Amino acid sequence: MTGPVPGWWGGTVHFPVPRVPPQPAPGSTGTDAGLSEELASVVAGARRRALRDGDRQIDTAHLLHSLVESEPEVRAAFGGPDQVARVLGYLVQRSIGYGLRWQATVEDSGANPVAPSARDSGQTSWSPSAAAAMLRARERAAGRGDPRAAGLDLLAELAADRHSRAVEVLVRAGVDTERLTGRIGELSQQV
């Protein structure tokens, strides 16, 4: 139920109208275009996390956090539940102190060129590194003939940028990113 409804006392009860995020038009080249339904949900989670944490941009750590929380295939790429728990532990610490130094800076490793428009639907901007990872994830999916990028595509691209915040979190959590990339390749072939 949404909108105003008459209350029993004669007043009006207002229910919040759910905000439906804008959907890219078919053939769109926006940051959210060309994503599987699951990955679109991951992006929405990263966007909410960035807004909640007061961050100016969605960065690679936001994407990693949302991926690990919501994608079973992504969790399977790690070396087991202990490694997943360590990664999530570092990601949770981001909002309580670990990542506070990131809030005043823009994540741009410089390793990945990004299209000039790194804005997302006019609300939350993307860090250049996060936008580049999203673009490369779509390119990775297209390279195997899939029109939509999935969680493993994005995880592979996040792990590939050695200077990203996502890789910083992975390394601090004891993840060998080269082994992770190998497991992603193995899992991608099984799908």
N, C-alpha and C. Protein backbone atom coordinates (compact mmCIF):
# COMPACT_ATOMS: atom_id res chain seq x y z
N MET A 1 0.85 -1.16 0.00
CA MET A 1 0.00 0.00 0.00
C MET A 1 0.90 1.23 0.00
N THR A 2 0.58 2.18 -0.85
CA THR A 2 1.36 3.40 -0.92
C THR A 2 0.45 4.61 -0.95
N GLY A 3 1.01 5.77 -0.66
CA GLY A 3 0.25 7.01 -0.73
C GLY A 3 -0.62 7.23 0.49
N PRO A 4 -1.43 8.31 0.49
CA PRO A 4 -2.27 8.63 1.64
C PRO A 4 -3.49 7.71 1.74
N VAL A 5 -3.84 7.34 2.96
CA VAL A 5 -5.00 6.49 3.24
C VAL A 5 -5.73 7.10 4.43
N PRO A 6 -7.08 7.16 4.38
CA PRO A 6 -7.81 7.71 5.52
C PRO A 6 -7.57 6.88 6.78
N GLY A 7 -7.32 7.54 7.89
CA GLY A 7 -7.11 6.85 9.17
C GLY A 7 -8.41 6.74 9.94
N TRP A 8 -8.49 5.88 10.95
CA TRP A 8 -9.70 5.65 11.74
C TRP A 8 -10.10 6.89 12.53
N TRP A 9 -9.14 7.78 12.79
CA TRP A 9 -9.40 8.98 13.58
C TRP A 9 -9.85 10.17 12.72
N GLY A 10 -9.95 9.95 11.42
CA GLY A 10 -10.37 11.01 10.52
C GLY A 10 -9.22 11.71 9.84
N GLY A 11 -8.01 11.45 10.29
CA GLY A 11 -6.82 12.02 9.66
C GLY A 11 -6.37 11.15 8.50
N THR A 12 -5.18 11.42 8.04
CA THR A 12 -4.65 10.67 6.91
C THR A 12 -3.34 9.99 7.32
N VAL A 13 -3.20 8.75 6.92
CA VAL A 13 -1.97 8.00 7.12
C VAL A 13 -1.21 8.04 5.80
N HIS A 14 0.05 8.39 5.88
CA HIS A 14 0.87 8.45 4.67
C HIS A 14 1.85 7.27 4.67
N PHE A 15 1.73 6.43 3.66
CA PHE A 15 2.67 5.34 3.48
C PHE A 15 3.70 5.79 2.47
N PRO A 16 4.95 5.46 2.70
CA PRO A 16 5.97 5.90 1.75
C PRO A 16 5.74 5.26 0.38
N VAL A 17 5.95 6.06 -0.63
CA VAL A 17 5.87 5.55 -1.99
C VAL A 17 7.22 4.95 -2.32
N PRO A 18 7.25 3.67 -2.68
CA PRO A 18 8.55 3.05 -2.95
C PRO A 18 9.23 3.73 -4.13
N ARG A 19 10.50 3.96 -3.96
CA ARG A 19 11.29 4.57 -5.03
C ARG A 19 11.77 3.48 -5.96
N VAL A 20 11.40 3.57 -7.19
CA VAL A 20 11.84 2.60 -8.19
C VAL A 20 13.02 3.21 -8.91
N PRO A 21 14.18 2.56 -8.82
CA PRO A 21 15.34 3.14 -9.49
C PRO A 21 15.13 3.18 -11.00
N PRO A 22 15.66 4.20 -11.65
CA PRO A 22 15.50 4.28 -13.09
C PRO A 22 16.15 3.09 -13.77
N GLN A 23 15.47 2.56 -14.76
CA GLN A 23 16.00 1.43 -15.52
C GLN A 23 16.62 1.95 -16.80
N PRO A 24 17.80 1.47 -17.15
CA PRO A 24 18.40 1.93 -18.40
C PRO A 24 17.58 1.46 -19.59
N ALA A 25 17.53 2.28 -20.60
CA ALA A 25 16.83 1.90 -21.81
C ALA A 25 17.57 0.78 -22.50
N PRO A 26 16.87 -0.06 -23.27
CA PRO A 26 17.56 -1.12 -24.02
C PRO A 26 18.67 -0.50 -24.87
N GLY A 27 19.82 -1.12 -24.85
CA GLY A 27 20.96 -0.61 -25.59
C GLY A 27 21.69 0.52 -24.88
N SER A 28 21.29 0.81 -23.64
CA SER A 28 21.92 1.90 -22.88
C SER A 28 23.37 1.56 -22.59
N THR A 29 24.16 2.59 -22.46
CA THR A 29 25.57 2.39 -22.11
C THR A 29 25.85 2.86 -20.71
N GLY A 30 24.80 3.07 -19.88
CA GLY A 30 24.99 3.51 -18.50
C GLY A 30 25.69 2.46 -17.67
N THR A 31 26.11 2.84 -16.48
CA THR A 31 26.87 1.94 -15.61
C THR A 31 26.08 0.69 -15.25
N ASP A 32 24.74 0.81 -15.11
CA ASP A 32 23.91 -0.33 -14.74
C ASP A 32 23.46 -1.17 -15.93
N ALA A 33 23.73 -0.73 -17.14
CA ALA A 33 23.28 -1.46 -18.33
C ALA A 33 24.10 -2.73 -18.51
N GLY A 34 23.51 -3.74 -19.08
CA GLY A 34 24.23 -4.97 -19.41
C GLY A 34 24.57 -5.83 -18.22
N LEU A 35 23.74 -5.78 -17.16
CA LEU A 35 24.00 -6.57 -15.96
C LEU A 35 22.93 -7.63 -15.80
N SER A 36 23.31 -8.77 -15.25
CA SER A 36 22.32 -9.78 -14.90
C SER A 36 21.43 -9.22 -13.80
N GLU A 37 20.29 -9.84 -13.59
CA GLU A 37 19.38 -9.39 -12.54
C GLU A 37 20.07 -9.44 -11.18
N GLU A 38 20.84 -10.49 -10.93
CA GLU A 38 21.56 -10.62 -9.66
C GLU A 38 22.59 -9.52 -9.49
N LEU A 39 23.32 -9.22 -10.55
CA LEU A 39 24.35 -8.19 -10.45
C LEU A 39 23.72 -6.80 -10.33
N ALA A 40 22.58 -6.58 -10.96
CA ALA A 40 21.87 -5.31 -10.79
C ALA A 40 21.48 -5.13 -9.33
N SER A 41 21.11 -6.23 -8.67
CA SER A 41 20.77 -6.18 -7.25
C SER A 41 22.01 -5.86 -6.41
N VAL A 42 23.15 -6.42 -6.80
CA VAL A 42 24.41 -6.13 -6.12
C VAL A 42 24.74 -4.64 -6.23
N VAL A 43 24.56 -4.08 -7.41
CA VAL A 43 24.83 -2.66 -7.63
C VAL A 43 23.90 -1.82 -6.76
N ALA A 44 22.63 -2.20 -6.69
CA ALA A 44 21.69 -1.46 -5.85
C ALA A 44 22.13 -1.52 -4.38
N GLY A 45 22.62 -2.67 -3.94
CA GLY A 45 23.12 -2.81 -2.57
C GLY A 45 24.34 -1.94 -2.32
N ALA A 46 25.24 -1.88 -3.29
CA ALA A 46 26.43 -1.04 -3.16
C ALA A 46 26.03 0.43 -3.10
N ARG A 47 25.05 0.80 -3.90
CA ARG A 47 24.57 2.20 -3.90
C ARG A 47 23.99 2.55 -2.54
N ARG A 48 23.15 1.66 -1.99
CA ARG A 48 22.57 1.92 -0.66
C ARG A 48 23.65 2.02 0.40
N ARG A 49 24.64 1.14 0.32
CA ARG A 49 25.73 1.15 1.30
C ARG A 49 26.50 2.47 1.24
N ALA A 50 26.80 2.95 0.04
CA ALA A 50 27.52 4.21 -0.12
C ALA A 50 26.71 5.37 0.46
N LEU A 51 25.43 5.40 0.17
CA LEU A 51 24.58 6.48 0.70
C LEU A 51 24.49 6.40 2.21
N ARG A 52 24.29 5.21 2.74
CA ARG A 52 24.16 5.03 4.19
C ARG A 52 25.44 5.42 4.92
N ASP A 53 26.57 5.07 4.33
CA ASP A 53 27.86 5.37 4.97
C ASP A 53 28.30 6.81 4.77
N GLY A 54 27.55 7.57 3.98
CA GLY A 54 27.91 8.96 3.74
C GLY A 54 29.08 9.12 2.78
N ASP A 55 29.33 8.09 1.98
CA ASP A 55 30.42 8.17 1.01
C ASP A 55 29.95 8.92 -0.22
N ARG A 56 30.85 9.66 -0.82
CA ARG A 56 30.49 10.47 -1.99
C ARG A 56 30.31 9.62 -3.24
N GLN A 57 30.95 8.46 -3.27
CA GLN A 57 30.92 7.63 -4.47
C GLN A 57 30.77 6.16 -4.12
N ILE A 58 30.22 5.42 -5.07
CA ILE A 58 30.24 3.97 -4.99
C ILE A 58 31.64 3.57 -5.43
N ASP A 59 32.36 2.85 -4.58
CA ASP A 59 33.71 2.45 -4.95
C ASP A 59 33.80 0.93 -5.03
N THR A 60 34.99 0.44 -5.31
CA THR A 60 35.16 -1.00 -5.51
C THR A 60 34.92 -1.79 -4.22
N ALA A 61 35.19 -1.20 -3.07
CA ALA A 61 34.93 -1.89 -1.80
C ALA A 61 33.43 -2.03 -1.56
N HIS A 62 32.63 -1.02 -1.93
CA HIS A 62 31.17 -1.15 -1.83
C HIS A 62 30.68 -2.31 -2.70
N LEU A 63 31.21 -2.37 -3.92
CA LEU A 63 30.81 -3.45 -4.83
C LEU A 63 31.22 -4.81 -4.28
N LEU A 64 32.45 -4.90 -3.78
CA LEU A 64 32.93 -6.16 -3.21
C LEU A 64 32.05 -6.60 -2.04
N HIS A 65 31.72 -5.67 -1.16
CA HIS A 65 30.90 -5.98 0.01
C HIS A 65 29.55 -6.54 -0.42
N SER A 66 28.90 -5.86 -1.34
CA SER A 66 27.59 -6.30 -1.81
C SER A 66 27.68 -7.65 -2.52
N LEU A 67 28.73 -7.85 -3.30
CA LEU A 67 28.94 -9.14 -3.99
C LEU A 67 29.08 -10.29 -3.01
N VAL A 68 29.96 -10.11 -2.03
CA VAL A 68 30.23 -11.20 -1.08
C VAL A 68 28.99 -11.52 -0.25
N GLU A 69 28.23 -10.49 0.12
CA GLU A 69 27.02 -10.73 0.91
C GLU A 69 25.92 -11.44 0.14
N SER A 70 25.80 -11.15 -1.14
CA SER A 70 24.60 -11.62 -1.84
C SER A 70 24.80 -12.69 -2.90
N GLU A 71 26.01 -12.97 -3.31
CA GLU A 71 26.24 -13.90 -4.41
C GLU A 71 26.92 -15.19 -3.96
N PRO A 72 26.20 -16.31 -3.93
CA PRO A 72 26.81 -17.59 -3.54
C PRO A 72 27.99 -17.99 -4.43
N GLU A 73 27.91 -17.70 -5.74
CA GLU A 73 29.01 -18.04 -6.64
C GLU A 73 30.28 -17.27 -6.27
N VAL A 74 30.11 -16.04 -5.84
CA VAL A 74 31.25 -15.22 -5.45
C VAL A 74 31.88 -15.80 -4.18
N ARG A 75 31.04 -16.15 -3.21
CA ARG A 75 31.58 -16.75 -1.96
C ARG A 75 32.31 -18.05 -2.26
N ALA A 76 31.83 -18.81 -3.23
CA ALA A 76 32.47 -20.07 -3.59
C ALA A 76 33.87 -19.86 -4.17
N ALA A 77 34.12 -18.68 -4.73
CA ALA A 77 35.43 -18.41 -5.33
C ALA A 77 36.52 -18.23 -4.28
N PHE A 78 36.12 -17.94 -3.05
CA PHE A 78 37.10 -17.76 -1.98
C PHE A 78 37.53 -19.12 -1.45
N GLY A 79 38.56 -19.15 -0.65
CA GLY A 79 39.14 -20.40 -0.17
C GLY A 79 38.36 -21.09 0.93
N GLY A 80 37.12 -20.74 1.15
CA GLY A 80 36.30 -21.36 2.18
C GLY A 80 35.63 -20.33 3.06
N PRO A 81 34.79 -20.80 3.97
CA PRO A 81 34.01 -19.87 4.80
C PRO A 81 34.87 -18.99 5.71
N ASP A 82 36.02 -19.49 6.15
CA ASP A 82 36.88 -18.66 7.00
C ASP A 82 37.39 -17.44 6.25
N GLN A 83 37.77 -17.65 4.98
CA GLN A 83 38.27 -16.53 4.19
C GLN A 83 37.15 -15.53 3.89
N VAL A 84 35.96 -16.03 3.61
CA VAL A 84 34.80 -15.16 3.38
C VAL A 84 34.53 -14.32 4.64
N ALA A 85 34.60 -14.96 5.80
CA ALA A 85 34.36 -14.25 7.06
C ALA A 85 35.40 -13.16 7.29
N ARG A 86 36.67 -13.44 6.97
CA ARG A 86 37.71 -12.41 7.13
C ARG A 86 37.47 -11.22 6.20
N VAL A 87 37.10 -11.51 4.95
CA VAL A 87 36.82 -10.44 3.99
C VAL A 87 35.65 -9.60 4.48
N LEU A 88 34.57 -10.25 4.89
CA LEU A 88 33.41 -9.51 5.39
C LEU A 88 33.77 -8.71 6.65
N GLY A 89 34.62 -9.27 7.49
CA GLY A 89 35.06 -8.56 8.69
C GLY A 89 35.74 -7.25 8.36
N TYR A 90 36.64 -7.26 7.36
CA TYR A 90 37.30 -6.03 6.95
C TYR A 90 36.31 -5.06 6.31
N LEU A 91 35.39 -5.59 5.53
CA LEU A 91 34.41 -4.71 4.88
C LEU A 91 33.49 -4.06 5.90
N VAL A 92 33.09 -4.79 6.94
CA VAL A 92 32.25 -4.21 7.98
C VAL A 92 33.01 -3.13 8.72
N GLN A 93 34.29 -3.33 8.96
CA GLN A 93 35.11 -2.34 9.65
C GLN A 93 35.19 -1.03 8.88
N ARG A 94 34.94 -1.07 7.59
CA ARG A 94 34.98 0.14 6.78
C ARG A 94 34.06 1.21 7.35
N SER A 95 32.86 0.82 7.75
CA SER A 95 31.89 1.80 8.22
C SER A 95 32.13 2.21 9.67
N ILE A 96 32.99 1.50 10.38
CA ILE A 96 33.24 1.87 11.77
C ILE A 96 34.68 2.32 12.00
N GLY A 97 35.38 2.66 10.92
CA GLY A 97 36.69 3.23 11.12
C GLY A 97 37.73 2.88 10.08
N TYR A 98 37.75 1.62 9.62
CA TYR A 98 38.79 1.19 8.69
C TYR A 98 38.80 2.04 7.42
N GLY A 99 37.64 2.31 6.85
CA GLY A 99 37.59 3.04 5.59
C GLY A 99 37.30 4.52 5.71
N LEU A 100 37.31 5.05 6.92
CA LEU A 100 36.98 6.47 7.07
C LEU A 100 37.95 7.37 6.31
N ARG A 101 39.20 6.96 6.19
CA ARG A 101 40.15 7.78 5.45
C ARG A 101 39.81 7.84 3.96
N TRP A 102 38.98 6.90 3.49
CA TRP A 102 38.58 6.90 2.09
C TRP A 102 37.50 7.93 1.80
N GLN A 103 36.74 8.33 2.82
CA GLN A 103 35.57 9.18 2.58
C GLN A 103 35.92 10.52 1.94
N ALA A 104 37.06 11.06 2.21
CA ALA A 104 37.42 12.38 1.69
C ALA A 104 38.18 12.28 0.37
N THR A 105 38.34 11.08 -0.17
CA THR A 105 39.13 10.92 -1.39
C THR A 105 38.32 10.22 -2.47
N VAL A 106 38.78 10.36 -3.69
CA VAL A 106 38.18 9.69 -4.83
C VAL A 106 39.04 8.48 -5.15
N GLU A 107 38.42 7.33 -5.30
CA GLU A 107 39.16 6.13 -5.67
C GLU A 107 39.44 6.16 -7.16
N ASP A 108 40.70 6.28 -7.50
CA ASP A 108 41.11 6.25 -8.90
C ASP A 108 42.53 5.72 -8.95
N SER A 109 42.64 4.43 -9.24
CA SER A 109 43.96 3.82 -9.27
C SER A 109 44.77 4.28 -10.47
N GLY A 110 44.08 4.83 -11.47
CA GLY A 110 44.78 5.26 -12.68
C GLY A 110 45.11 4.11 -13.60
N ALA A 111 44.86 2.89 -13.15
CA ALA A 111 45.21 1.73 -13.95
C ALA A 111 44.17 1.42 -15.02
N ASN A 112 42.99 1.97 -14.86
CA ASN A 112 41.90 1.61 -15.76
C ASN A 112 41.25 2.85 -16.34
N PRO A 113 41.32 3.02 -17.66
CA PRO A 113 40.63 4.16 -18.24
C PRO A 113 39.12 3.97 -18.10
N VAL A 114 38.41 5.06 -17.92
CA VAL A 114 36.97 4.99 -17.77
C VAL A 114 36.32 5.99 -18.70
N ALA A 115 35.13 5.65 -19.14
CA ALA A 115 34.38 6.56 -20.01
C ALA A 115 34.17 7.88 -19.28
N PRO A 116 34.05 8.98 -19.99
CA PRO A 116 33.91 10.29 -19.35
C PRO A 116 32.74 10.37 -18.39
N SER A 117 31.65 9.66 -18.65
CA SER A 117 30.49 9.73 -17.77
C SER A 117 30.54 8.64 -16.74
N ALA A 118 30.96 8.99 -15.52
CA ALA A 118 30.99 8.02 -14.43
C ALA A 118 29.87 8.32 -13.45
N ARG A 119 28.82 9.00 -13.90
CA ARG A 119 27.68 9.31 -13.05
C ARG A 119 26.67 8.19 -13.14
N ASP A 120 26.02 7.90 -12.03
CA ASP A 120 25.02 6.84 -11.99
C ASP A 120 23.65 7.44 -11.76
N SER A 121 22.81 7.43 -12.74
CA SER A 121 21.41 7.86 -12.67
C SER A 121 21.22 9.19 -11.94
N GLY A 122 22.21 10.06 -11.99
CA GLY A 122 22.06 11.39 -11.43
C GLY A 122 22.06 11.47 -9.92
N GLN A 123 22.35 10.41 -9.20
CA GLN A 123 22.29 10.48 -7.74
C GLN A 123 23.64 10.23 -7.10
N THR A 124 24.15 9.06 -7.19
CA THR A 124 25.42 8.71 -6.56
C THR A 124 26.43 8.49 -7.67
N SER A 125 27.56 9.15 -7.57
CA SER A 125 28.56 8.96 -8.61
C SER A 125 29.36 7.69 -8.34
N TRP A 126 30.03 7.23 -9.35
CA TRP A 126 30.89 6.06 -9.26
C TRP A 126 32.33 6.54 -9.20
N SER A 127 33.15 5.85 -8.41
CA SER A 127 34.57 6.15 -8.48
C SER A 127 35.05 5.69 -9.86
N PRO A 128 36.09 6.34 -10.39
CA PRO A 128 36.61 5.90 -11.69
C PRO A 128 36.98 4.42 -11.69
N SER A 129 37.55 3.90 -10.61
CA SER A 129 37.93 2.49 -10.55
C SER A 129 36.72 1.58 -10.57
N ALA A 130 35.65 1.95 -9.85
CA ALA A 130 34.43 1.13 -9.83
C ALA A 130 33.74 1.15 -11.19
N ALA A 131 33.67 2.33 -11.81
CA ALA A 131 33.05 2.43 -13.13
C ALA A 131 33.83 1.60 -14.15
N ALA A 132 35.16 1.64 -14.07
CA ALA A 132 35.99 0.86 -14.99
C ALA A 132 35.79 -0.63 -14.77
N ALA A 133 35.67 -1.06 -13.51
CA ALA A 133 35.44 -2.48 -13.21
C ALA A 133 34.10 -2.94 -13.77
N MET A 134 33.07 -2.09 -13.65
CA MET A 134 31.76 -2.44 -14.20
C MET A 134 31.83 -2.57 -15.72
N LEU A 135 32.52 -1.65 -16.37
CA LEU A 135 32.67 -1.69 -17.82
C LEU A 135 33.41 -2.96 -18.25
N ARG A 136 34.50 -3.27 -17.57
CA ARG A 136 35.28 -4.46 -17.92
C ARG A 136 34.50 -5.75 -17.64
N ALA A 137 33.64 -5.75 -16.61
CA ALA A 137 32.82 -6.93 -16.32
C ALA A 137 31.87 -7.20 -17.47
N ARG A 138 31.28 -6.14 -18.02
CA ARG A 138 30.39 -6.30 -19.18
C ARG A 138 31.19 -6.80 -20.38
N GLU A 139 32.39 -6.25 -20.57
CA GLU A 139 33.23 -6.69 -21.70
C GLU A 139 33.64 -8.15 -21.53
N ARG A 140 33.91 -8.55 -20.30
CA ARG A 140 34.28 -9.95 -20.02
C ARG A 140 33.13 -10.88 -20.38
N ALA A 141 31.90 -10.50 -20.00
CA ALA A 141 30.73 -11.31 -20.32
C ALA A 141 30.53 -11.37 -21.83
N ALA A 142 30.67 -10.24 -22.50
CA ALA A 142 30.50 -10.19 -23.95
C ALA A 142 31.54 -11.07 -24.65
N GLY A 143 32.74 -11.14 -24.09
CA GLY A 143 33.80 -11.96 -24.66
C GLY A 143 33.47 -13.44 -24.69
N ARG A 144 32.63 -13.88 -23.79
CA ARG A 144 32.22 -15.30 -23.80
C ARG A 144 30.84 -15.46 -24.44
N GLY A 145 30.32 -14.35 -25.02
CA GLY A 145 29.05 -14.42 -25.73
C GLY A 145 27.82 -14.21 -24.86
N ASP A 146 28.01 -13.74 -23.64
CA ASP A 146 26.89 -13.50 -22.74
C ASP A 146 26.56 -12.01 -22.76
N PRO A 147 25.30 -11.65 -23.01
CA PRO A 147 24.96 -10.23 -23.08
C PRO A 147 24.92 -9.54 -21.71
N ARG A 148 24.94 -10.30 -20.63
CA ARG A 148 24.82 -9.71 -19.29
C ARG A 148 25.97 -10.17 -18.40
N ALA A 149 26.57 -9.21 -17.71
CA ALA A 149 27.64 -9.52 -16.76
C ALA A 149 27.04 -10.12 -15.50
N ALA A 150 27.77 -11.02 -14.87
CA ALA A 150 27.34 -11.67 -13.64
C ALA A 150 28.33 -11.36 -12.51
N GLY A 151 28.04 -11.87 -11.32
CA GLY A 151 28.86 -11.60 -10.15
C GLY A 151 30.31 -12.00 -10.30
N LEU A 152 30.56 -13.17 -10.88
CA LEU A 152 31.95 -13.61 -11.06
C LEU A 152 32.71 -12.71 -12.02
N ASP A 153 32.01 -12.17 -13.03
CA ASP A 153 32.66 -11.23 -13.94
C ASP A 153 33.15 -10.01 -13.18
N LEU A 154 32.28 -9.47 -12.34
CA LEU A 154 32.67 -8.28 -11.57
C LEU A 154 33.76 -8.60 -10.56
N LEU A 155 33.65 -9.74 -9.87
CA LEU A 155 34.69 -10.10 -8.90
C LEU A 155 36.05 -10.22 -9.59
N ALA A 156 36.09 -10.84 -10.77
CA ALA A 156 37.35 -10.97 -11.50
C ALA A 156 37.95 -9.62 -11.82
N GLU A 157 37.10 -8.68 -12.21
CA GLU A 157 37.61 -7.34 -12.57
C GLU A 157 37.99 -6.53 -11.34
N LEU A 158 37.29 -6.72 -10.24
CA LEU A 158 37.69 -6.04 -9.00
C LEU A 158 39.06 -6.54 -8.55
N ALA A 159 39.28 -7.84 -8.63
CA ALA A 159 40.55 -8.43 -8.19
C ALA A 159 41.71 -8.09 -9.12
N ALA A 160 41.39 -7.70 -10.35
CA ALA A 160 42.44 -7.41 -11.34
C ALA A 160 43.10 -6.05 -11.14
N ASP A 161 42.42 -5.12 -10.49
CA ASP A 161 42.97 -3.77 -10.30
C ASP A 161 43.75 -3.74 -8.99
N ARG A 162 45.03 -3.95 -9.08
CA ARG A 162 45.89 -4.09 -7.90
C ARG A 162 45.90 -2.86 -6.98
N HIS A 163 45.44 -1.72 -7.47
CA HIS A 163 45.49 -0.50 -6.68
C HIS A 163 44.10 -0.05 -6.21
N SER A 164 43.12 -0.94 -6.32
CA SER A 164 41.75 -0.57 -5.93
C SER A 164 41.54 -0.81 -4.44
N ARG A 165 40.50 -0.20 -3.91
CA ARG A 165 40.14 -0.41 -2.51
C ARG A 165 39.70 -1.85 -2.28
N ALA A 166 39.04 -2.44 -3.25
CA ALA A 166 38.62 -3.84 -3.11
C ALA A 166 39.83 -4.75 -2.91
N VAL A 167 40.87 -4.54 -3.70
CA VAL A 167 42.07 -5.36 -3.56
C VAL A 167 42.76 -5.07 -2.24
N GLU A 168 42.75 -3.83 -1.80
CA GLU A 168 43.33 -3.51 -0.49
C GLU A 168 42.63 -4.32 0.61
N VAL A 169 41.32 -4.38 0.55
CA VAL A 169 40.56 -5.17 1.53
C VAL A 169 40.90 -6.65 1.40
N LEU A 170 40.93 -7.16 0.18
CA LEU A 170 41.24 -8.58 -0.03
C LEU A 170 42.61 -8.94 0.52
N VAL A 171 43.60 -8.11 0.22
CA VAL A 171 44.97 -8.38 0.69
C VAL A 171 45.04 -8.34 2.21
N ARG A 172 44.41 -7.34 2.82
CA ARG A 172 44.41 -7.25 4.29
C ARG A 172 43.72 -8.45 4.93
N ALA A 173 42.75 -9.02 4.21
CA ALA A 173 42.04 -10.19 4.73
C ALA A 173 42.79 -11.50 4.43
N GLY A 174 43.95 -11.39 3.81
CA GLY A 174 44.77 -12.58 3.54
C GLY A 174 44.40 -13.33 2.28
N VAL A 175 43.71 -12.69 1.35
CA VAL A 175 43.32 -13.33 0.10
C VAL A 175 44.43 -13.16 -0.93
N ASP A 176 44.85 -14.27 -1.52
CA ASP A 176 45.80 -14.23 -2.62
C ASP A 176 44.98 -13.94 -3.88
N THR A 177 45.09 -12.73 -4.42
CA THR A 177 44.22 -12.34 -5.53
C THR A 177 44.50 -13.14 -6.81
N GLU A 178 45.73 -13.62 -6.99
CA GLU A 178 46.01 -14.45 -8.17
C GLU A 178 45.31 -15.80 -8.06
N ARG A 179 45.33 -16.40 -6.88
CA ARG A 179 44.61 -17.66 -6.68
C ARG A 179 43.10 -17.45 -6.82
N LEU A 180 42.63 -16.32 -6.29
CA LEU A 180 41.21 -15.99 -6.41
C LEU A 180 40.82 -15.90 -7.89
N THR A 181 41.64 -15.23 -8.67
CA THR A 181 41.37 -15.10 -10.10
C THR A 181 41.33 -16.46 -10.78
N GLY A 182 42.23 -17.36 -10.37
CA GLY A 182 42.23 -18.72 -10.92
C GLY A 182 40.95 -19.47 -10.59
N ARG A 183 40.49 -19.35 -9.33
CA ARG A 183 39.25 -20.02 -8.95
C ARG A 183 38.05 -19.43 -9.67
N ILE A 184 38.07 -18.12 -9.90
CA ILE A 184 36.98 -17.49 -10.65
C ILE A 184 36.92 -18.08 -12.05
N GLY A 185 38.09 -18.24 -12.68
CA GLY A 185 38.15 -18.85 -14.02
C GLY A 185 37.58 -20.26 -14.04
N GLU A 186 37.94 -21.05 -13.02
CA GLU A 186 37.43 -22.41 -12.93
C GLU A 186 35.91 -22.44 -12.75
N LEU A 187 35.41 -21.58 -11.86
CA LEU A 187 33.96 -21.52 -11.61
C LEU A 187 33.21 -21.02 -12.83
N SER A 188 33.80 -20.08 -13.56
CA SER A 188 33.15 -19.52 -14.76
C SER A 188 32.99 -20.60 -15.82
N GLN A 189 33.94 -21.51 -15.90
CA GLN A 189 33.85 -22.59 -16.91
C GLN A 189 32.78 -23.61 -16.53
N GLN A 190 32.50 -23.75 -15.24
CA GLN A 190 31.49 -24.70 -14.78
C GLN A 190 30.07 -24.21 -15.02
N VAL A 191 29.91 -22.89 -15.09
CA VAL A 191 28.57 -22.31 -15.23
C VAL A 191 28.01 -22.50 -16.61
